[in-house]
N, C-alpha and C. Protein backbone atom coordinates (compact mmCIF):
# COMPACT_ATOMS: atom_id res chain seq x y z
N MET A 1 11.16 4.53 -0.10
CA MET A 1 10.63 4.21 1.21
C MET A 1 10.38 2.70 1.26
N ARG A 2 10.80 2.06 2.32
CA ARG A 2 10.58 0.63 2.49
C ARG A 2 9.28 0.41 3.24
N ILE A 3 8.46 -0.47 2.70
CA ILE A 3 7.21 -0.82 3.35
C ILE A 3 7.29 -2.31 3.67
N THR A 4 7.24 -2.64 4.93
CA THR A 4 7.43 -4.03 5.34
C THR A 4 6.22 -4.91 5.03
N ASN A 5 6.47 -6.19 4.84
CA ASN A 5 5.45 -7.23 4.69
C ASN A 5 4.52 -7.03 3.50
N ILE A 6 5.08 -6.53 2.41
CA ILE A 6 4.26 -6.37 1.22
C ILE A 6 4.91 -7.15 0.09
N ASP A 7 4.25 -8.18 -0.38
CA ASP A 7 4.80 -8.89 -1.52
C ASP A 7 3.74 -9.59 -2.35
N ASN A 8 2.48 -9.29 -2.13
CA ASN A 8 1.46 -9.81 -3.03
C ASN A 8 0.24 -8.89 -3.04
N LEU A 9 -0.68 -9.15 -3.95
CA LEU A 9 -1.83 -8.26 -4.15
C LEU A 9 -2.68 -8.13 -2.89
N SER A 10 -3.01 -9.23 -2.27
CA SER A 10 -3.88 -9.16 -1.09
C SER A 10 -3.21 -8.38 0.04
N ALA A 11 -1.90 -8.55 0.20
CA ALA A 11 -1.19 -7.81 1.24
C ALA A 11 -1.16 -6.32 0.92
N LEU A 12 -0.97 -5.99 -0.35
CA LEU A 12 -0.98 -4.58 -0.75
C LEU A 12 -2.34 -3.94 -0.47
N LEU A 13 -3.40 -4.62 -0.85
CA LEU A 13 -4.73 -4.06 -0.63
C LEU A 13 -5.05 -3.94 0.85
N ASP A 14 -4.68 -4.94 1.63
CA ASP A 14 -4.89 -4.89 3.07
C ASP A 14 -4.12 -3.73 3.69
N ARG A 15 -2.88 -3.60 3.30
CA ARG A 15 -2.04 -2.53 3.86
C ARG A 15 -2.55 -1.15 3.45
N LEU A 16 -3.04 -1.03 2.21
CA LEU A 16 -3.59 0.24 1.75
C LEU A 16 -4.79 0.64 2.61
N ALA A 17 -5.68 -0.29 2.87
CA ALA A 17 -6.84 0.00 3.70
C ALA A 17 -6.42 0.40 5.11
N THR A 18 -5.47 -0.33 5.68
CA THR A 18 -4.99 -0.04 7.03
C THR A 18 -4.38 1.35 7.12
N GLU A 19 -3.54 1.68 6.15
CA GLU A 19 -2.85 2.98 6.18
C GLU A 19 -3.82 4.13 5.94
N ARG A 20 -4.84 3.92 5.11
CA ARG A 20 -5.85 4.98 4.90
C ARG A 20 -6.65 5.22 6.18
N ILE A 21 -6.95 4.15 6.91
CA ILE A 21 -7.66 4.30 8.19
C ILE A 21 -6.80 5.09 9.17
N LYS A 22 -5.51 4.77 9.23
CA LYS A 22 -4.60 5.52 10.10
C LYS A 22 -4.58 6.99 9.70
N GLU A 23 -4.50 7.24 8.40
CA GLU A 23 -4.48 8.63 7.92
C GLU A 23 -5.75 9.36 8.36
N TYR A 24 -6.89 8.73 8.18
CA TYR A 24 -8.16 9.33 8.58
C TYR A 24 -8.17 9.66 10.07
N ASN A 25 -7.73 8.71 10.89
CA ASN A 25 -7.73 8.93 12.34
C ASN A 25 -6.77 10.05 12.74
N PHE A 26 -5.59 10.10 12.14
CA PHE A 26 -4.66 11.18 12.44
C PHE A 26 -5.24 12.53 12.03
N ASP A 27 -5.88 12.58 10.87
CA ASP A 27 -6.53 13.83 10.43
C ASP A 27 -7.61 14.25 11.43
N LYS A 28 -8.42 13.29 11.84
CA LYS A 28 -9.52 13.55 12.76
C LYS A 28 -9.01 14.08 14.10
N GLN A 29 -7.84 13.56 14.53
CA GLN A 29 -7.26 13.97 15.81
C GLN A 29 -6.43 15.24 15.70
N GLY A 30 -6.29 15.77 14.50
CA GLY A 30 -5.50 16.98 14.30
C GLY A 30 -4.00 16.75 14.33
N LYS A 31 -3.56 15.52 14.13
CA LYS A 31 -2.13 15.18 14.12
C LYS A 31 -1.63 15.30 12.68
N ASP A 32 -1.32 16.53 12.30
CA ASP A 32 -0.97 16.83 10.92
C ASP A 32 0.31 16.14 10.45
N THR A 33 1.32 16.09 11.29
CA THR A 33 2.59 15.46 10.90
C THR A 33 2.40 13.98 10.63
N GLU A 34 1.69 13.30 11.52
CA GLU A 34 1.44 11.88 11.36
C GLU A 34 0.57 11.61 10.14
N ALA A 35 -0.44 12.45 9.93
CA ALA A 35 -1.32 12.30 8.77
C ALA A 35 -0.54 12.48 7.47
N ALA A 36 0.37 13.43 7.45
CA ALA A 36 1.19 13.66 6.26
C ALA A 36 2.07 12.45 5.98
N HIS A 37 2.63 11.86 7.02
CA HIS A 37 3.44 10.65 6.85
C HIS A 37 2.59 9.52 6.27
N GLN A 38 1.37 9.37 6.79
CA GLN A 38 0.49 8.32 6.29
C GLN A 38 0.15 8.54 4.83
N ARG A 39 -0.02 9.79 4.42
CA ARG A 39 -0.30 10.07 3.01
C ARG A 39 0.88 9.63 2.14
N GLU A 40 2.10 9.82 2.63
CA GLU A 40 3.28 9.37 1.89
C GLU A 40 3.31 7.85 1.78
N VAL A 41 2.96 7.16 2.86
CA VAL A 41 2.92 5.70 2.85
C VAL A 41 1.86 5.22 1.85
N VAL A 42 0.69 5.86 1.85
CA VAL A 42 -0.38 5.50 0.93
C VAL A 42 0.07 5.69 -0.51
N ILE A 43 0.77 6.78 -0.80
CA ILE A 43 1.26 7.02 -2.16
C ILE A 43 2.21 5.91 -2.58
N GLU A 44 3.10 5.50 -1.68
CA GLU A 44 4.05 4.43 -2.00
C GLU A 44 3.34 3.10 -2.25
N ILE A 45 2.31 2.81 -1.48
CA ILE A 45 1.56 1.58 -1.69
C ILE A 45 0.84 1.63 -3.03
N LYS A 46 0.28 2.77 -3.37
CA LYS A 46 -0.38 2.92 -4.67
C LYS A 46 0.60 2.71 -5.81
N ILE A 47 1.82 3.18 -5.65
CA ILE A 47 2.85 2.98 -6.68
C ILE A 47 3.13 1.49 -6.83
N LYS A 48 3.26 0.79 -5.70
CA LYS A 48 3.52 -0.66 -5.75
C LYS A 48 2.35 -1.41 -6.39
N LEU A 49 1.12 -1.00 -6.09
CA LEU A 49 -0.05 -1.61 -6.72
C LEU A 49 -0.03 -1.37 -8.23
N ASN A 50 0.28 -0.15 -8.61
CA ASN A 50 0.35 0.19 -10.03
C ASN A 50 1.39 -0.66 -10.74
N GLU A 51 2.55 -0.83 -10.12
CA GLU A 51 3.61 -1.67 -10.71
C GLU A 51 3.14 -3.11 -10.86
N LEU A 52 2.45 -3.62 -9.85
CA LEU A 52 1.96 -4.99 -9.91
C LEU A 52 0.93 -5.15 -11.03
N PHE A 53 -0.02 -4.21 -11.12
CA PHE A 53 -1.04 -4.29 -12.16
C PHE A 53 -0.42 -4.19 -13.55
N ARG A 54 0.59 -3.33 -13.71
CA ARG A 54 1.27 -3.23 -15.01
C ARG A 54 1.97 -4.54 -15.35
N GLU A 55 2.61 -5.15 -14.36
CA GLU A 55 3.28 -6.43 -14.57
C GLU A 55 2.27 -7.50 -15.00
N VAL A 56 1.13 -7.53 -14.33
CA VAL A 56 0.08 -8.49 -14.67
C VAL A 56 -0.44 -8.23 -16.08
N PHE A 57 -0.64 -6.97 -16.42
CA PHE A 57 -1.14 -6.62 -17.75
C PHE A 57 -0.16 -7.05 -18.83
N VAL A 58 1.12 -6.81 -18.62
CA VAL A 58 2.14 -7.16 -19.61
C VAL A 58 2.28 -8.67 -19.73
N LYS A 59 2.35 -9.36 -18.61
CA LYS A 59 2.55 -10.82 -18.63
C LYS A 59 1.24 -11.58 -18.83
N LYS A 60 0.13 -10.88 -18.63
CA LYS A 60 -1.20 -11.47 -18.74
C LYS A 60 -1.44 -12.61 -17.75
N GLU A 61 -0.77 -12.54 -16.61
CA GLU A 61 -0.99 -13.53 -15.56
C GLU A 61 -0.59 -12.96 -14.21
N LEU A 62 -1.18 -13.49 -13.18
CA LEU A 62 -0.83 -13.11 -11.81
C LEU A 62 -0.32 -14.36 -11.12
N LEU A 63 0.97 -14.38 -10.84
CA LEU A 63 1.56 -15.53 -10.18
C LEU A 63 1.38 -15.39 -8.67
N MET A 64 1.11 -16.49 -8.04
CA MET A 64 0.99 -16.49 -6.59
C MET A 64 2.38 -16.50 -6.00
N ARG A 65 2.64 -15.59 -5.09
CA ARG A 65 3.94 -15.53 -4.41
C ARG A 65 3.78 -16.09 -3.02
N GLN A 66 4.57 -17.06 -2.71
CA GLN A 66 4.48 -17.72 -1.41
C GLN A 66 5.46 -17.08 -0.43
N ASN A 67 5.04 -16.93 0.79
CA ASN A 67 5.90 -16.43 1.87
C ASN A 67 6.27 -17.60 2.76
N TYR A 68 7.53 -17.92 2.80
CA TYR A 68 7.99 -19.01 3.66
C TYR A 68 9.12 -18.53 4.51
């Protein structure tokens, strides 16, 4: 699954919070299909966060990635 505009830690954390809020609102409104989709997006973001943390742990550094 492609998740747009994600390429650094702060963006990942921001996007995770945003998608969890969407999931909560869809659940609250009874929109099960949309909530299920949001859960999939959240899982993918968590995978990307996990990959980033593993990379940082192995390299022992967090490089700043610039968006230009």
